[in-house]
Amino acid sequence: MVVPYVHNWAGSVDEPGPNGERSANFGGVGDVNLTFKYRLVEEGPQMPTVTALFATDFPTGHFKRLNPGRLGADEIGGGSYVFTTGLNLSKYVKPFIFYGNVWYSMQTASSSLGEDEDGNSVYFRNYPRDFVTVNLAAEYPLTKKWVALLELTSFWDGGRLLGHQSNVAPAALLSVMAGIEYMATEKFSLALGVNIDLAGKNTEAAVTPLLSMVYAF
């Protein structure tokens, strides 16, 4: 289970809020994820570890009744249930450890508040697309404590297998992340890196510094 805390800041915006706001911030619990995994194949001399998964994202993050004065910072959830199934793979090929993910995700419909052609506030029904996630990663141990990381992540929108036809434009994004991890103890590690969006469609591109801290119980 992943229970994320999300905090957004907006500053020096180009389009101010209704009362002239040019900066805002908002924080809270985002969309909670619950994942079940089952190992299908144990790693051997030739075969990688293959794990099947089923995951659900719950729309617990703030999504409706957004305050225009917060400049979009109070949108910290997607507003939909997301059901994901797929495979995880990993293989140790000395001295590298390789990882791969292939997932298919389906999203439920959601409603959002907007404006019609006359400027009146109305609720719109959103039918998001299903999407495919393909990730590849590699680790290279530099020493017993330091590990170099390289990840290639992507998602690709498709049509909807179930339900109403989508009314959202298709999107895609391909990103690369390079970083370094410090294994402080057998249970605690720190990682620092930068994620760069390389190419996409109908989505935002960003350069994102990343800092993660992991403790395994």
C-alpha atoms as a PDB file:
ATOM      1  CA  MET A   1       0.000   0.000   0.000  1.00  0.00           C
ATOM      2  CA  VAL A   2       1.222   3.477  -0.916  1.00  0.00           C
ATOM      3  CA  VAL A   3      -0.314   6.470   0.883  1.00  0.00           C
ATOM      4  CA  PRO A   4       1.286   9.560  -0.707  1.00  0.00           C
ATOM      5  CA  TYR A   5       1.382  13.052   0.730  1.00  0.00           C
ATOM      6  CA  VAL A   6       1.339  15.631  -2.085  1.00  0.00           C
ATOM      7  CA  HIS A   7       2.159  19.328  -1.682  1.00  0.00           C
ATOM      8  CA  ASN A   8       2.023  21.694  -4.653  1.00  0.00           C
ATOM      9  CA  TRP A   9       3.430  25.198  -4.894  1.00  0.00           C
ATOM     10  CA  ALA A  10       2.649  27.746  -7.615  1.00  0.00           C
ATOM     11  CA  GLY A  11       4.547  31.012  -7.910  1.00  0.00           C
ATOM     12  CA  SER A  12       4.912  33.905 -10.356  1.00  0.00           C
ATOM     13  CA  VAL A  13       2.144  32.473 -12.550  1.00  0.00           C
ATOM     14  CA  ASP A  14       1.366  34.023 -15.942  1.00  0.00           C
ATOM     15  CA  GLU A  15      -2.422  33.979 -15.423  1.00  0.00           C
ATOM     16  CA  PRO A  16      -3.394  35.324 -11.965  1.00  0.00           C
ATOM     17  CA  GLY A  17      -6.371  34.072  -9.954  1.00  0.00           C
ATOM     18  CA  PRO A  18      -9.750  35.830  -9.647  1.00  0.00           C
ATOM     19  CA  ASN A  19      -8.424  38.140  -6.924  1.00  0.00           C
ATOM     20  CA  GLY A  20      -5.037  38.714  -8.517  1.00  0.00           C
ATOM     21  CA  GLU A  21      -3.312  35.722  -6.856  1.00  0.00           C
ATOM     22  CA  ARG A  22       0.067  34.901  -8.361  1.00  0.00           C
ATOM     23  CA  SER A  23       1.218  32.337  -5.798  1.00  0.00           C
ATOM     24  CA  ALA A  24      -0.478  29.551  -3.851  1.00  0.00           C
ATOM     25  CA  ASN A  25       0.166  26.198  -2.214  1.00  0.00           C
ATOM     26  CA  PHE A  26      -1.895  23.207  -1.132  1.00  0.00           C
ATOM     27  CA  GLY A  27      -1.144  19.807   0.405  1.00  0.00           C
ATOM     28  CA  GLY A  28      -2.856  16.604   1.465  1.00  0.00           C
ATOM     29  CA  VAL A  29      -3.146  12.861   0.901  1.00  0.00           C
ATOM     30  CA  GLY A  30      -3.069  11.944  -2.797  1.00  0.00           C
ATOM     31  CA  ASP A  31      -4.514   8.876  -4.493  1.00  0.00           C
ATOM     32  CA  VAL A  32      -3.881   5.752  -2.398  1.00  0.00           C
ATOM     33  CA  ASN A  33      -2.547   2.677  -4.222  1.00  0.00           C
ATOM     34  CA  LEU A  34      -3.035  -0.964  -3.183  1.00  0.00           C
ATOM     35  CA  THR A  35      -1.013  -3.603  -5.067  1.00  0.00           C
ATOM     36  CA  PHE A  36      -1.033  -7.408  -4.906  1.00  0.00           C
ATOM     37  CA  LYS A  37       1.866  -9.384  -6.402  1.00  0.00           C
ATOM     38  CA  TYR A  38       2.464 -13.074  -7.069  1.00  0.00           C
ATOM     39  CA  ARG A  39       5.755 -14.543  -8.291  1.00  0.00           C
ATOM     40  CA  LEU A  40       5.180 -16.755 -11.324  1.00  0.00           C
ATOM     41  CA  VAL A  41       8.812 -17.637 -12.121  1.00  0.00           C
ATOM     42  CA  GLU A  42      11.808 -17.667  -9.791  1.00  0.00           C
ATOM     43  CA  GLU A  43      15.069 -16.332 -11.189  1.00  0.00           C
ATOM     44  CA  GLY A  44      17.428 -18.967 -12.538  1.00  0.00           C
ATOM     45  CA  PRO A  45      20.595 -19.151 -14.654  1.00  0.00           C
ATOM     46  CA  GLN A  46      18.646 -18.212 -17.793  1.00  0.00           C
ATOM     47  CA  MET A  47      15.196 -17.057 -16.666  1.00  0.00           C
ATOM     48  CA  PRO A  48      14.401 -13.738 -14.954  1.00  0.00           C
ATOM     49  CA  THR A  49      12.101 -13.382 -11.976  1.00  0.00           C
ATOM     50  CA  VAL A  50       8.576 -12.862 -13.340  1.00  0.00           C
ATOM     51  CA  THR A  51       5.903 -11.416 -11.048  1.00  0.00           C
ATOM     52  CA  ALA A  52       2.232 -10.820 -11.871  1.00  0.00           C
ATOM     53  CA  LEU A  53       0.490  -7.866 -10.232  1.00  0.00           C
ATOM     54  CA  PHE A  54      -2.948  -6.373  -9.791  1.00  0.00           C
ATOM     55  CA  ALA A  55      -3.240  -2.849  -8.439  1.00  0.00           C
ATOM     56  CA  THR A  56      -5.967  -0.312  -7.697  1.00  0.00           C
ATOM     57  CA  ASP A  57      -5.602   3.442  -7.302  1.00  0.00           C
ATOM     58  CA  PHE A  58      -8.356   4.970  -5.154  1.00  0.00           C
ATOM     59  CA  PRO A  59      -9.467   8.595  -5.855  1.00  0.00           C
ATOM     60  CA  THR A  60      -8.666   9.853  -2.355  1.00  0.00           C
ATOM     61  CA  GLY A  61      -6.752  12.952  -3.484  1.00  0.00           C
ATOM     62  CA  HIS A  62      -8.524  16.319  -3.710  1.00  0.00           C
ATOM     63  CA  PHE A  63     -10.018  16.651  -7.188  1.00  0.00           C
ATOM     64  CA  LYS A  64     -13.447  18.296  -7.084  1.00  0.00           C
ATOM     65  CA  ARG A  65     -14.558  21.803  -6.074  1.00  0.00           C
ATOM     66  CA  LEU A  66     -11.177  23.325  -6.845  1.00  0.00           C
ATOM     67  CA  ASN A  67     -10.557  26.866  -5.640  1.00  0.00           C
ATOM     68  CA  PRO A  68      -9.530  29.158  -8.552  1.00  0.00           C
ATOM     69  CA  GLY A  69      -7.529  31.235  -6.083  1.00  0.00           C
ATOM     70  CA  ARG A  70      -5.205  28.264  -5.484  1.00  0.00           C
ATOM     71  CA  LEU A  71      -4.113  28.378  -9.147  1.00  0.00           C
ATOM     72  CA  GLY A  72      -4.499  24.630  -9.662  1.00  0.00           C
ATOM     73  CA  ALA A  73      -2.282  23.703  -6.716  1.00  0.00           C
ATOM     74  CA  ASP A  74      -5.235  22.046  -4.920  1.00  0.00           C
ATOM     75  CA  GLU A  75      -5.622  19.371  -7.615  1.00  0.00           C
ATOM     76  CA  ILE A  76      -3.657  16.532  -5.998  1.00  0.00           C
ATOM     77  CA  GLY A  77      -5.727  13.564  -7.217  1.00  0.00           C
ATOM     78  CA  GLY A  78      -6.859  12.083 -10.508  1.00  0.00           C
ATOM     79  CA  GLY A  79     -10.527  11.666  -9.600  1.00  0.00           C
ATOM     80  CA  SER A  80     -10.781   8.112 -10.988  1.00  0.00           C
ATOM     81  CA  TYR A  81     -10.303   4.543  -9.851  1.00  0.00           C
ATOM     82  CA  VAL A  82      -7.428   3.036 -11.834  1.00  0.00           C
ATOM     83  CA  PHE A  83      -7.209  -0.763 -12.210  1.00  0.00           C
ATOM     84  CA  THR A  84      -3.827  -2.085 -13.356  1.00  0.00           C
ATOM     85  CA  THR A  85      -2.614  -5.554 -14.256  1.00  0.00           C
ATOM     86  CA  GLY A  86       0.717  -6.604 -15.704  1.00  0.00           C
ATOM     87  CA  LEU A  87       4.123  -8.179 -15.217  1.00  0.00           C
ATOM     88  CA  ASN A  88       7.344  -7.213 -13.435  1.00  0.00           C
ATOM     89  CA  LEU A  89      10.657  -8.757 -14.472  1.00  0.00           C
ATOM     90  CA  SER A  90      14.140  -8.652 -12.944  1.00  0.00           C
ATOM     91  CA  LYS A  91      17.440 -10.379 -13.739  1.00  0.00           C
ATOM     92  CA  TYR A  92      20.961 -10.226 -12.340  1.00  0.00           C
ATOM     93  CA  VAL A  93      23.564 -10.260 -15.094  1.00  0.00           C
ATOM     94  CA  LYS A  94      26.869  -9.585 -13.344  1.00  0.00           C
ATOM     95  CA  PRO A  95      27.539  -6.801 -12.516  1.00  0.00           C
ATOM     96  CA  PHE A  96      24.149  -5.300 -13.525  1.00  0.00           C
ATOM     97  CA  ILE A  97      20.618  -5.802 -12.200  1.00  0.00           C
ATOM     98  CA  PHE A  98      17.952  -5.252 -14.860  1.00  0.00           C
ATOM     99  CA  TYR A  99      14.264  -4.511 -14.267  1.00  0.00           C
ATOM    100  CA  GLY A 100      11.222  -4.232 -16.521  1.00  0.00           C
ATOM    101  CA  ASN A 101       7.522  -3.426 -16.107  1.00  0.00           C
ATOM    102  CA  VAL A 102       4.702  -3.951 -18.614  1.00  0.00           C
ATOM    103  CA  TRP A 103       1.301  -2.846 -17.265  1.00  0.00           C
ATOM    104  CA  TYR A 104      -2.169  -2.199 -18.665  1.00  0.00           C
ATOM    105  CA  SER A 105      -4.384   0.267 -16.776  1.00  0.00           C
ATOM    106  CA  MET A 106      -8.105   1.073 -17.023  1.00  0.00           C
ATOM    107  CA  GLN A 107      -9.619   4.214 -15.489  1.00  0.00           C
ATOM    108  CA  THR A 108     -13.204   4.854 -14.425  1.00  0.00           C
ATOM    109  CA  ALA A 109     -15.142   7.947 -15.505  1.00  0.00           C
ATOM    110  CA  SER A 110     -15.114  11.076 -13.343  1.00  0.00           C
ATOM    111  CA  SER A 111     -16.767  14.511 -13.203  1.00  0.00           C
ATOM    112  CA  SER A 112     -15.067  17.899 -13.094  1.00  0.00           C
ATOM    113  CA  LEU A 113     -16.329  21.457 -12.818  1.00  0.00           C
ATOM    114  CA  GLY A 114     -15.816  23.705 -15.841  1.00  0.00           C
ATOM    115  CA  GLU A 115     -17.460  26.403 -17.917  1.00  0.00           C
ATOM    116  CA  ASP A 116     -19.722  26.160 -20.949  1.00  0.00           C
ATOM    117  CA  GLU A 117     -19.602  28.481 -23.968  1.00  0.00           C
ATOM    118  CA  ASP A 118     -21.619  31.105 -22.073  1.00  0.00           C
ATOM    119  CA  GLY A 119     -19.287  31.111 -19.073  1.00  0.00           C
ATOM    120  CA  ASN A 120     -21.693  29.209 -16.823  1.00  0.00           C
ATOM    121  CA  SER A 121     -20.307  26.683 -14.326  1.00  0.00           C
ATOM    122  CA  VAL A 122     -21.216  23.132 -15.329  1.00  0.00           C
ATOM    123  CA  TYR A 123     -20.009  19.632 -14.502  1.00  0.00           C
ATOM    124  CA  PHE A 124     -18.385  17.707 -17.322  1.00  0.00           C
ATOM    125  CA  ARG A 125     -18.201  13.899 -17.471  1.00  0.00           C
ATOM    126  CA  ASN A 126     -14.663  12.732 -18.242  1.00  0.00           C
ATOM    127  CA  TYR A 127     -14.003   9.342 -19.839  1.00  0.00           C
ATOM    128  CA  PRO A 128     -10.217   8.843 -19.594  1.00  0.00           C
ATOM    129  CA  ARG A 129      -8.374   6.435 -21.856  1.00  0.00           C
ATOM    130  CA  ASP A 130      -6.792   3.132 -20.929  1.00  0.00           C
ATOM    131  CA  PHE A 131      -3.004   3.299 -20.997  1.00  0.00           C
ATOM    132  CA  VAL A 132       0.032   1.038 -21.267  1.00  0.00           C
ATOM    133  CA  THR A 133       3.097   1.541 -19.061  1.00  0.00           C
ATOM    134  CA  VAL A 134       6.509   0.249 -20.181  1.00  0.00           C
ATOM    135  CA  ASN A 135       9.509   0.818 -17.894  1.00  0.00           C
ATOM    136  CA  LEU A 136      13.110  -0.390 -18.105  1.00  0.00           C
ATOM    137  CA  ALA A 137      15.806   0.108 -15.468  1.00  0.00           C
ATOM    138  CA  ALA A 138      19.330  -0.968 -14.573  1.00  0.00           C
ATOM    139  CA  GLU A 139      21.469  -0.806 -11.422  1.00  0.00           C
ATOM    140  CA  TYR A 140      25.258  -0.880 -11.329  1.00  0.00           C
ATOM    141  CA  PRO A 141      26.947  -1.337  -7.929  1.00  0.00           C
ATOM    142  CA  LEU A 142      29.890   1.054  -7.701  1.00  0.00           C
ATOM    143  CA  THR A 143      30.875  -0.070  -4.197  1.00  0.00           C
ATOM    144  CA  LYS A 144      29.156  -1.956  -1.381  1.00  0.00           C
ATOM    145  CA  LYS A 145      27.361   1.269  -0.397  1.00  0.00           C
ATOM    146  CA  TRP A 146      26.913   3.189  -3.686  1.00  0.00           C
ATOM    147  CA  VAL A 147      24.759   2.142  -6.665  1.00  0.00           C
ATOM    148  CA  ALA A 148      24.316   3.930 -10.008  1.00  0.00           C
ATOM    149  CA  LEU A 149      20.762   4.000 -11.395  1.00  0.00           C
ATOM    150  CA  LEU A 150      19.324   4.485 -14.878  1.00  0.00           C
ATOM    151  CA  GLU A 151      15.607   4.270 -15.716  1.00  0.00           C
ATOM    152  CA  LEU A 152      13.535   4.670 -18.863  1.00  0.00           C
ATOM    153  CA  THR A 153       9.826   5.184 -18.158  1.00  0.00           C
ATOM    154  CA  SER A 154       6.877   5.640 -20.512  1.00  0.00           C
ATOM    155  CA  PHE A 155       3.116   5.547 -20.838  1.00  0.00           C
ATOM    156  CA  TRP A 156       0.964   5.360 -23.975  1.00  0.00           C
ATOM    157  CA  ASP A 157      -2.758   6.105 -24.118  1.00  0.00           C
ATOM    158  CA  GLY A 158      -5.114   3.860 -26.086  1.00  0.00           C
ATOM    159  CA  GLY A 159      -8.870   3.403 -26.377  1.00  0.00           C
ATOM    160  CA  ARG A 160     -11.233   2.156 -23.681  1.00  0.00           C
ATOM    161  CA  LEU A 161     -11.829  -1.600 -23.567  1.00  0.00           C
ATOM    162  CA  LEU A 162     -14.938  -1.154 -21.406  1.00  0.00           C
ATOM    163  CA  GLY A 163     -17.595   1.515 -21.079  1.00  0.00           C
ATOM    164  CA  HIS A 164     -18.230   4.795 -22.859  1.00  0.00           C
ATOM    165  CA  GLN A 165     -15.943   5.972 -25.670  1.00  0.00           C
ATOM    166  CA  SER A 166     -13.213   8.280 -24.427  1.00  0.00           C
ATOM    167  CA  ASN A 167     -13.670  12.038 -24.763  1.00  0.00           C
ATOM    168  CA  VAL A 168     -10.072  12.835 -23.770  1.00  0.00           C
ATOM    169  CA  ALA A 169      -7.281  13.401 -26.290  1.00  0.00           C
ATOM    170  CA  PRO A 170      -4.667  10.595 -26.363  1.00  0.00           C
ATOM    171  CA  ALA A 171      -1.390  11.304 -24.590  1.00  0.00           C
ATOM    172  CA  ALA A 172       2.045   9.721 -24.302  1.00  0.00           C
ATOM    173  CA  LEU A 173       5.272  10.481 -22.471  1.00  0.00           C
ATOM    174  CA  LEU A 174       8.800   9.065 -22.581  1.00  0.00           C
ATOM    175  CA  SER A 175      11.237   9.977 -19.787  1.00  0.00           C
ATOM    176  CA  VAL A 176      14.726   9.069 -18.589  1.00  0.00           C
ATOM    177  CA  MET A 177      16.045   9.218 -15.029  1.00  0.00           C
ATOM    178  CA  ALA A 178      19.667   8.998 -13.885  1.00  0.00           C
ATOM    179  CA  GLY A 179      20.590   8.819 -10.232  1.00  0.00           C
ATOM    180  CA  ILE A 180      22.763   7.421  -7.491  1.00  0.00           C
ATOM    181  CA  GLU A 181      21.719   5.440  -4.418  1.00  0.00           C
ATOM    182  CA  TYR A 182      23.451   5.189  -1.038  1.00  0.00           C
ATOM    183  CA  MET A 183      22.777   2.026   0.993  1.00  0.00           C
ATOM    184  CA  ALA A 184      23.184   3.416   4.497  1.00  0.00           C
ATOM    185  CA  THR A 185      22.172   0.122   6.165  1.00  0.00           C
ATOM    186  CA  GLU A 186      20.621  -3.161   5.070  1.00  0.00           C
ATOM    187  CA  LYS A 187      17.179  -1.584   5.598  1.00  0.00           C
ATOM    188  CA  PHE A 188      17.655   2.140   4.892  1.00  0.00           C
ATOM    189  CA  SER A 189      18.723   3.783   1.618  1.00  0.00           C
ATOM    190  CA  LEU A 190      18.798   7.233   0.008  1.00  0.00           C
ATOM    191  CA  ALA A 191      18.655   8.042  -3.704  1.00  0.00           C
ATOM    192  CA  LEU A 192      19.212  11.288  -5.585  1.00  0.00           C
ATOM    193  CA  GLY A 193      18.581  11.832  -9.281  1.00  0.00           C
ATOM    194  CA  VAL A 194      16.962  13.875 -12.028  1.00  0.00           C
ATOM    195  CA  ASN A 195      14.085  12.861 -14.315  1.00  0.00           C
ATOM    196  CA  ILE A 196      13.977  14.380 -17.816  1.00  0.00           C
ATOM    197  CA  ASP A 197      10.913  14.139 -20.074  1.00  0.00           C
ATOM    198  CA  LEU A 198      12.243  13.413 -23.560  1.00  0.00           C
ATOM    199  CA  ALA A 199       9.182  13.238 -25.820  1.00  0.00           C
ATOM    200  CA  GLY A 200       5.429  13.197 -25.523  1.00  0.00           C
ATOM    201  CA  LYS A 201       2.007  14.111 -26.858  1.00  0.00           C
ATOM    202  CA  ASN A 202      -0.739  16.188 -25.212  1.00  0.00           C
ATOM    203  CA  THR A 203       1.140  16.292 -21.912  1.00  0.00           C
ATOM    204  CA  GLU A 204       3.589  18.474 -20.013  1.00  0.00           C
ATOM    205  CA  ALA A 205       7.372  18.205 -20.224  1.00  0.00           C
ATOM    206  CA  ALA A 206       9.522  18.843 -17.170  1.00  0.00           C
ATOM    207  CA  VAL A 207      12.949  18.391 -15.642  1.00  0.00           C
ATOM    208  CA  THR A 208      12.353  17.035 -12.131  1.00  0.00           C
ATOM    209  CA  PRO A 209      14.958  16.613  -9.358  1.00  0.00           C
ATOM    210  CA  LEU A 210      14.197  13.532  -7.238  1.00  0.00           C
ATOM    211  CA  LEU A 211      15.107  12.574  -3.684  1.00  0.00           C
ATOM    212  CA  SER A 212      13.849   9.315  -2.160  1.00  0.00           C
ATOM    213  CA  MET A 213      14.306   7.671   1.207  1.00  0.00           C
ATOM    214  CA  VAL A 214      13.398   4.003   1.644  1.00  0.00           C
ATOM    215  CA  TYR A 215      13.178   1.976   4.849  1.00  0.00           C
ATOM    216  CA  ALA A 216      12.355  -1.730   4.606  1.00  0.00           C
ATOM    217  CA  PHE A 217      10.646  -3.162   7.682  1.00  0.00           C
END
